[in-house]
C-alpha atoms as a PDB file:
ATOM      1  CA  UNK A   1      19.162 -26.493 -43.063  1.00  0.00           C
ATOM      2  CA  UNK A   2      18.015 -28.355 -39.971  1.00  0.00           C
ATOM      3  CA  UNK A   3      20.954 -27.095 -37.857  1.00  0.00           C
ATOM      4  CA  UNK A   4      20.164 -23.573 -38.936  1.00  0.00           C
ATOM      5  CA  UNK A   5      16.597 -23.871 -37.619  1.00  0.00           C
ATOM      6  CA  UNK A   6      17.847 -25.085 -34.243  1.00  0.00           C
ATOM      7  CA  UNK A   7      20.332 -22.246 -34.141  1.00  0.00           C
ATOM      8  CA  UNK A   8      17.613 -19.655 -34.900  1.00  0.00           C
ATOM      9  CA  UNK A   9      15.263 -21.244 -32.356  1.00  0.00           C
ATOM     10  CA  UNK A  10      18.018 -21.137 -29.717  1.00  0.00           C
ATOM     11  CA  UNK A  11      18.807 -17.503 -30.523  1.00  0.00           C
ATOM     12  CA  UNK A  12      15.104 -16.579 -30.273  1.00  0.00           C
ATOM     13  CA  UNK A  13      14.925 -18.286 -26.883  1.00  0.00           C
ATOM     14  CA  UNK A  14      18.009 -16.441 -25.587  1.00  0.00           C
ATOM     15  CA  UNK A  15      16.684 -13.142 -26.947  1.00  0.00           C
ATOM     16  CA  UNK A  16      13.296 -13.763 -25.266  1.00  0.00           C
ATOM     17  CA  UNK A  17      14.969 -14.474 -21.933  1.00  0.00           C
ATOM     18  CA  UNK A  18      17.098 -11.315 -22.232  1.00  0.00           C
ATOM     19  CA  UNK A  19      14.107  -9.119 -23.075  1.00  0.00           C
ATOM     20  CA  UNK A  20      12.027 -10.530 -20.219  1.00  0.00           C
ATOM     21  CA  UNK A  21      14.943 -10.023 -17.796  1.00  0.00           C
ATOM     22  CA  UNK A  22      15.263  -6.417 -19.025  1.00  0.00           C
ATOM     23  CA  UNK A  23      11.721  -5.664 -17.848  1.00  0.00           C
ATOM     24  CA  UNK A  24      11.927  -7.685 -14.638  1.00  0.00           C
ATOM     25  CA  UNK A  25      15.308  -6.871 -13.082  1.00  0.00           C
ATOM     26  CA  UNK A  26      17.913  -4.119 -12.820  1.00  0.00           C
ATOM     27  CA  UNK A  27      21.541  -5.093 -13.203  1.00  0.00           C
ATOM     28  CA  UNK A  28      24.177  -3.402 -11.089  1.00  0.00           C
ATOM     29  CA  UNK A  29      26.549  -2.662 -13.999  1.00  0.00           C
ATOM     30  CA  UNK A  30      29.185  -1.077 -11.759  1.00  0.00           C
ATOM     31  CA  UNK A  31      30.336  -4.514 -10.648  1.00  0.00           C
ATOM     32  CA  UNK A  32      29.209  -6.730 -13.492  1.00  0.00           C
ATOM     33  CA  UNK A  33      31.494  -9.613 -12.510  1.00  0.00           C
ATOM     34  CA  UNK A  34      29.622  -9.846  -9.204  1.00  0.00           C
ATOM     35  CA  UNK A  35      26.288  -9.026 -10.785  1.00  0.00           C
ATOM     36  CA  UNK A  36      23.508  -8.299  -8.329  1.00  0.00           C
ATOM     37  CA  UNK A  37      20.022  -8.866  -9.709  1.00  0.00           C
ATOM     38  CA  UNK A  38      17.293  -6.768  -8.111  1.00  0.00           C
ATOM     39  CA  UNK A  39      13.625  -6.786  -9.016  1.00  0.00           C
ATOM     40  CA  UNK A  40      12.581  -3.412 -10.448  1.00  0.00           C
ATOM     41  CA  UNK A  41       9.721  -3.117  -7.934  1.00  0.00           C
ATOM     42  CA  UNK A  42      12.256  -3.572  -5.125  1.00  0.00           C
ATOM     43  CA  UNK A  43      14.611  -0.935  -6.555  1.00  0.00           C
ATOM     44  CA  UNK A  44      11.692   1.522  -6.790  1.00  0.00           C
ATOM     45  CA  UNK A  45      10.867   0.808  -3.145  1.00  0.00           C
ATOM     46  CA  UNK A  46      14.459   1.630  -2.152  1.00  0.00           C
ATOM     47  CA  UNK A  47      14.229   4.846  -4.194  1.00  0.00           C
ATOM     48  CA  UNK A  48      11.175   5.831  -2.146  1.00  0.00           C
ATOM     49  CA  UNK A  49      12.885   4.974   1.143  1.00  0.00           C
ATOM     50  CA  UNK A  50      15.983   6.964   0.128  1.00  0.00           C
ATOM     51  CA  UNK A  51      13.781   9.893  -0.857  1.00  0.00           C
ATOM     52  CA  UNK A  52      14.630   9.700  -4.567  1.00  0.00           C
ATOM     53  CA  UNK A  53      11.203   8.598  -5.784  1.00  0.00           C
ATOM     54  CA  UNK A  54       7.996  10.579  -6.251  1.00  0.00           C
ATOM     55  CA  UNK A  55       5.390   9.297  -3.787  1.00  0.00           C
ATOM     56  CA  UNK A  56       1.639   9.728  -4.011  1.00  0.00           C
ATOM     57  CA  UNK A  57      -1.307   8.315  -2.122  1.00  0.00           C
ATOM     58  CA  UNK A  58      -3.560   8.950   0.830  1.00  0.00           C
ATOM     59  CA  UNK A  59      -2.333  10.354   4.109  1.00  0.00           C
ATOM     60  CA  UNK A  60      -2.576  13.423   6.297  1.00  0.00           C
ATOM     61  CA  UNK A  61      -1.656  17.085   6.065  1.00  0.00           C
ATOM     62  CA  UNK A  62      -0.749  19.017   9.217  1.00  0.00           C
ATOM     63  CA  UNK A  63      -0.574  22.820   9.101  1.00  0.00           C
ATOM     64  CA  UNK A  64       1.272  24.439  12.019  1.00  0.00           C
ATOM     65  CA  UNK A  65       1.465  28.179  12.625  1.00  0.00           C
ATOM     66  CA  UNK A  66       2.952  30.353  15.355  1.00  0.00           C
ATOM     67  CA  UNK A  67       0.821  31.284  18.341  1.00  0.00           C
ATOM     68  CA  UNK A  68      -0.533  34.792  18.728  1.00  0.00           C
ATOM     69  CA  UNK A  69       1.736  37.008  20.779  1.00  0.00           C
ATOM     70  CA  UNK A  70       0.257  37.716  24.210  1.00  0.00           C
ATOM     71  CA  UNK A  71       2.611  40.091  25.994  1.00  0.00           C
ATOM     72  CA  UNK A  72       5.214  38.852  28.426  1.00  0.00           C
ATOM     73  CA  UNK A  73       8.494  39.894  26.828  1.00  0.00           C
ATOM     74  CA  UNK A  74      11.020  38.294  24.541  1.00  0.00           C
ATOM     75  CA  UNK A  75      11.131  34.913  26.340  1.00  0.00           C
ATOM     76  CA  UNK A  76       7.378  34.507  26.040  1.00  0.00           C
ATOM     77  CA  UNK A  77       7.552  35.315  22.319  1.00  0.00           C
ATOM     78  CA  UNK A  78      10.250  32.657  21.787  1.00  0.00           C
ATOM     79  CA  UNK A  79       7.967  30.065  23.415  1.00  0.00           C
ATOM     80  CA  UNK A  80       5.103  30.943  21.028  1.00  0.00           C
ATOM     81  CA  UNK A  81       7.128  30.346  17.850  1.00  0.00           C
ATOM     82  CA  UNK A  82       7.349  26.995  16.047  1.00  0.00           C
ATOM     83  CA  UNK A  83      10.918  25.694  16.426  1.00  0.00           C
ATOM     84  CA  UNK A  84      12.731  22.888  14.649  1.00  0.00           C
ATOM     85  CA  UNK A  85      12.231  20.680  17.719  1.00  0.00           C
ATOM     86  CA  UNK A  86       8.465  20.808  17.248  1.00  0.00           C
ATOM     87  CA  UNK A  87       8.772  19.779  13.596  1.00  0.00           C
ATOM     88  CA  UNK A  88      11.328  17.069  14.398  1.00  0.00           C
ATOM     89  CA  UNK A  89       9.025  15.528  17.024  1.00  0.00           C
ATOM     90  CA  UNK A  90       6.112  15.596  14.582  1.00  0.00           C
ATOM     91  CA  UNK A  91       8.137  14.062  11.726  1.00  0.00           C
ATOM     92  CA  UNK A  92       9.588  11.354  13.995  1.00  0.00           C
ATOM     93  CA  UNK A  93       6.118  10.478  15.280  1.00  0.00           C
ATOM     94  CA  UNK A  94       4.800  10.208  11.713  1.00  0.00           C
ATOM     95  CA  UNK A  95       7.625   7.897  10.639  1.00  0.00           C
ATOM     96  CA  UNK A  96       7.165   5.811  13.807  1.00  0.00           C
ATOM     97  CA  UNK A  97       3.468   5.455  12.908  1.00  0.00           C
ATOM     98  CA  UNK A  98       4.380   4.036   9.486  1.00  0.00           C
ATOM     99  CA  UNK A  99       4.516   7.013   7.133  1.00  0.00           C
ATOM    100  CA  UNK A 100       6.085   6.073   3.801  1.00  0.00           C
ATOM    101  CA  UNK A 101       7.177   9.624   2.998  1.00  0.00           C
ATOM    102  CA  UNK A 102       7.062  12.991   4.779  1.00  0.00           C
ATOM    103  CA  UNK A 103       7.665  16.543   3.552  1.00  0.00           C
ATOM    104  CA  UNK A 104       7.698  19.919   5.287  1.00  0.00           C
ATOM    105  CA  UNK A 105       6.806  22.926   3.101  1.00  0.00           C
ATOM    106  CA  UNK A 106       7.682  20.854   0.041  1.00  0.00           C
ATOM    107  CA  UNK A 107      11.058  19.655   1.348  1.00  0.00           C
ATOM    108  CA  UNK A 108      11.291  15.851   1.440  1.00  0.00           C
ATOM    109  CA  UNK A 109      12.516  14.468   4.760  1.00  0.00           C
ATOM    110  CA  UNK A 110      15.238  11.819   4.358  1.00  0.00           C
ATOM    111  CA  UNK A 111      17.920  10.228   6.504  1.00  0.00           C
ATOM    112  CA  UNK A 112      20.293  13.092   5.620  1.00  0.00           C
ATOM    113  CA  UNK A 113      17.837  15.947   6.245  1.00  0.00           C
ATOM    114  CA  UNK A 114      18.919  18.589   8.722  1.00  0.00           C
ATOM    115  CA  UNK A 115      16.535  21.040  10.429  1.00  0.00           C
ATOM    116  CA  UNK A 116      17.902  24.136  12.139  1.00  0.00           C
ATOM    117  CA  UNK A 117      16.407  27.372  13.413  1.00  0.00           C
ATOM    118  CA  UNK A 118      17.788  30.313  11.444  1.00  0.00           C
ATOM    119  CA  UNK A 119      16.353  33.473  12.954  1.00  0.00           C
ATOM    120  CA  UNK A 120      12.606  33.521  12.323  1.00  0.00           C
ATOM    121  CA  UNK A 121      12.846  30.665   9.793  1.00  0.00           C
ATOM    122  CA  UNK A 122      13.674  26.963   9.905  1.00  0.00           C
ATOM    123  CA  UNK A 123      16.301  25.693   7.469  1.00  0.00           C
ATOM    124  CA  UNK A 124      15.379  22.310   5.960  1.00  0.00           C
ATOM    125  CA  UNK A 125      17.609  20.686   3.303  1.00  0.00           C
ATOM    126  CA  UNK A 126      19.454  24.009   2.800  1.00  0.00           C
ATOM    127  CA  UNK A 127      16.154  25.843   2.161  1.00  0.00           C
ATOM    128  CA  UNK A 128      14.749  28.446   4.555  1.00  0.00           C
ATOM    129  CA  UNK A 129      11.067  27.908   5.331  1.00  0.00           C
ATOM    130  CA  UNK A 130       8.711  30.092   7.330  1.00  0.00           C
ATOM    131  CA  UNK A 131       5.334  29.530   8.985  1.00  0.00           C
ATOM    132  CA  UNK A 132       2.793  28.251   8.340  1.00  0.00           C
ATOM    133  CA  UNK A 133       4.490  24.860   8.065  1.00  0.00           C
ATOM    134  CA  UNK A 134       2.641  22.359   5.882  1.00  0.00           C
ATOM    135  CA  UNK A 135       3.642  18.812   6.817  1.00  0.00           C
ATOM    136  CA  UNK A 136       2.471  16.074   4.429  1.00  0.00           C
ATOM    137  CA  UNK A 137       2.703  12.386   5.314  1.00  0.00           C
ATOM    138  CA  UNK A 138       1.689   9.490   3.085  1.00  0.00           C
ATOM    139  CA  UNK A 139       0.496   6.319   4.748  1.00  0.00           C
ATOM    140  CA  UNK A 140      -2.542   4.953   6.567  1.00  0.00           C
ATOM    141  CA  UNK A 141      -4.338   8.238   7.328  1.00  0.00           C
ATOM    142  CA  UNK A 142      -6.286   6.925  10.317  1.00  0.00           C
ATOM    143  CA  UNK A 143      -3.161   5.503  12.003  1.00  0.00           C
ATOM    144  CA  UNK A 144      -1.054   8.600  11.272  1.00  0.00           C
ATOM    145  CA  UNK A 145      -3.724  10.967  12.557  1.00  0.00           C
ATOM    146  CA  UNK A 146      -4.388   9.005  15.746  1.00  0.00           C
ATOM    147  CA  UNK A 147      -0.659   8.726  16.510  1.00  0.00           C
ATOM    148  CA  UNK A 148      -0.137  12.494  16.557  1.00  0.00           C
ATOM    149  CA  UNK A 149      -3.544  13.440  18.017  1.00  0.00           C
ATOM    150  CA  UNK A 150      -3.369  11.266  21.141  1.00  0.00           C
ATOM    151  CA  UNK A 151      -3.618  12.907  24.538  1.00  0.00           C
ATOM    152  CA  UNK A 152      -0.195  14.172  25.593  1.00  0.00           C
ATOM    153  CA  UNK A 153       1.092  13.692  22.044  1.00  0.00           C
ATOM    154  CA  UNK A 154       2.826  16.032  19.646  1.00  0.00           C
ATOM    155  CA  UNK A 155      -0.244  18.021  18.550  1.00  0.00           C
ATOM    156  CA  UNK A 156      -1.509  18.280  22.119  1.00  0.00           C
ATOM    157  CA  UNK A 157       1.840  19.695  23.294  1.00  0.00           C
ATOM    158  CA  UNK A 158       1.864  22.326  20.526  1.00  0.00           C
ATOM    159  CA  UNK A 159      -1.764  23.266  21.138  1.00  0.00           C
ATOM    160  CA  UNK A 160      -1.102  23.792  24.848  1.00  0.00           C
ATOM    161  CA  UNK A 161       1.570  26.358  23.902  1.00  0.00           C
ATOM    162  CA  UNK A 162      -1.036  28.184  21.809  1.00  0.00           C
ATOM    163  CA  UNK A 163       0.277  27.164  18.387  1.00  0.00           C
ATOM    164  CA  UNK A 164      -2.346  26.722  15.701  1.00  0.00           C
ATOM    165  CA  UNK A 165      -2.399  23.107  14.497  1.00  0.00           C
ATOM    166  CA  UNK A 166      -4.807  21.804  11.860  1.00  0.00           C
ATOM    167  CA  UNK A 167      -4.807  18.096  10.916  1.00  0.00           C
ATOM    168  CA  UNK A 168      -6.666  16.872   7.811  1.00  0.00           C
ATOM    169  CA  UNK A 169      -7.010  13.433   6.283  1.00  0.00           C
ATOM    170  CA  UNK A 170      -6.301  13.593   2.545  1.00  0.00           C
ATOM    171  CA  UNK A 171      -7.343  11.123  -0.145  1.00  0.00           C
ATOM    172  CA  UNK A 172      -4.572  12.158  -2.542  1.00  0.00           C
ATOM    173  CA  UNK A 173      -1.196  13.689  -1.662  1.00  0.00           C
ATOM    174  CA  UNK A 174       1.961  14.047  -3.739  1.00  0.00           C
ATOM    175  CA  UNK A 175       5.423  14.275  -2.186  1.00  0.00           C
ATOM    176  CA  UNK A 176       8.253  15.301  -4.482  1.00  0.00           C
ATOM    177  CA  UNK A 177      11.648  13.564  -4.391  1.00  0.00           C
ATOM    178  CA  UNK A 178      14.613  14.889  -2.417  1.00  0.00           C
ATOM    179  CA  UNK A 179      16.507  17.337  -4.641  1.00  0.00           C
ATOM    180  CA  UNK A 180      19.770  17.494  -2.720  1.00  0.00           C
ATOM    181  CA  UNK A 181      22.854  15.329  -2.985  1.00  0.00           C
ATOM    182  CA  UNK A 182      23.634  12.228  -1.004  1.00  0.00           C
ATOM    183  CA  UNK A 183      27.303  12.589  -0.233  1.00  0.00           C
ATOM    184  CA  UNK A 184      29.467  11.306   2.545  1.00  0.00           C
ATOM    185  CA  UNK A 185      32.373  13.343   3.833  1.00  0.00           C
ATOM    186  CA  UNK A 186      35.172  11.650   5.681  1.00  0.00           C
ATOM    187  CA  UNK A 187      37.529  13.618   7.891  1.00  0.00           C
ATOM    188  CA  UNK A 188      40.735  12.540   9.572  1.00  0.00           C
END
């Protein structure tokens, strides 16, 4: 009888440890023999960095629209349109200022995001988007805003070209996860 109690007590202890580990860590089951234990909070952080996690919090919203056409031919019109280079500079500046997550017209920007001009639209993550471009960035709103609003900065350069740029600090923003696939293609 006494040995049975010790056995049950030992089993309860092992079960308690297993349950607490279940809530505290993720196990990489793909290579169980070389098990890698990762805290769940850390794995969520990597999901956010990879663009897989939903992110919400305070930050800024930047709305960019094409400039009004003011005569001068086709070349002048091309200079008044928002191009992918303008958005890339803005997104890079936001990440450099510490943005946790950035989206353009609802498309999450990740390490595998491509932006290309496609006629009058900009293709982001295989989705065509058109002006006005709504760029959301989650992070310290004051730092993000001051980094893009500085003299000679990204917003200043677009404003000089006549593009309409509106920057707002937001108390609550939501950025959806990246919906595409992360795949690597190797070629010989």
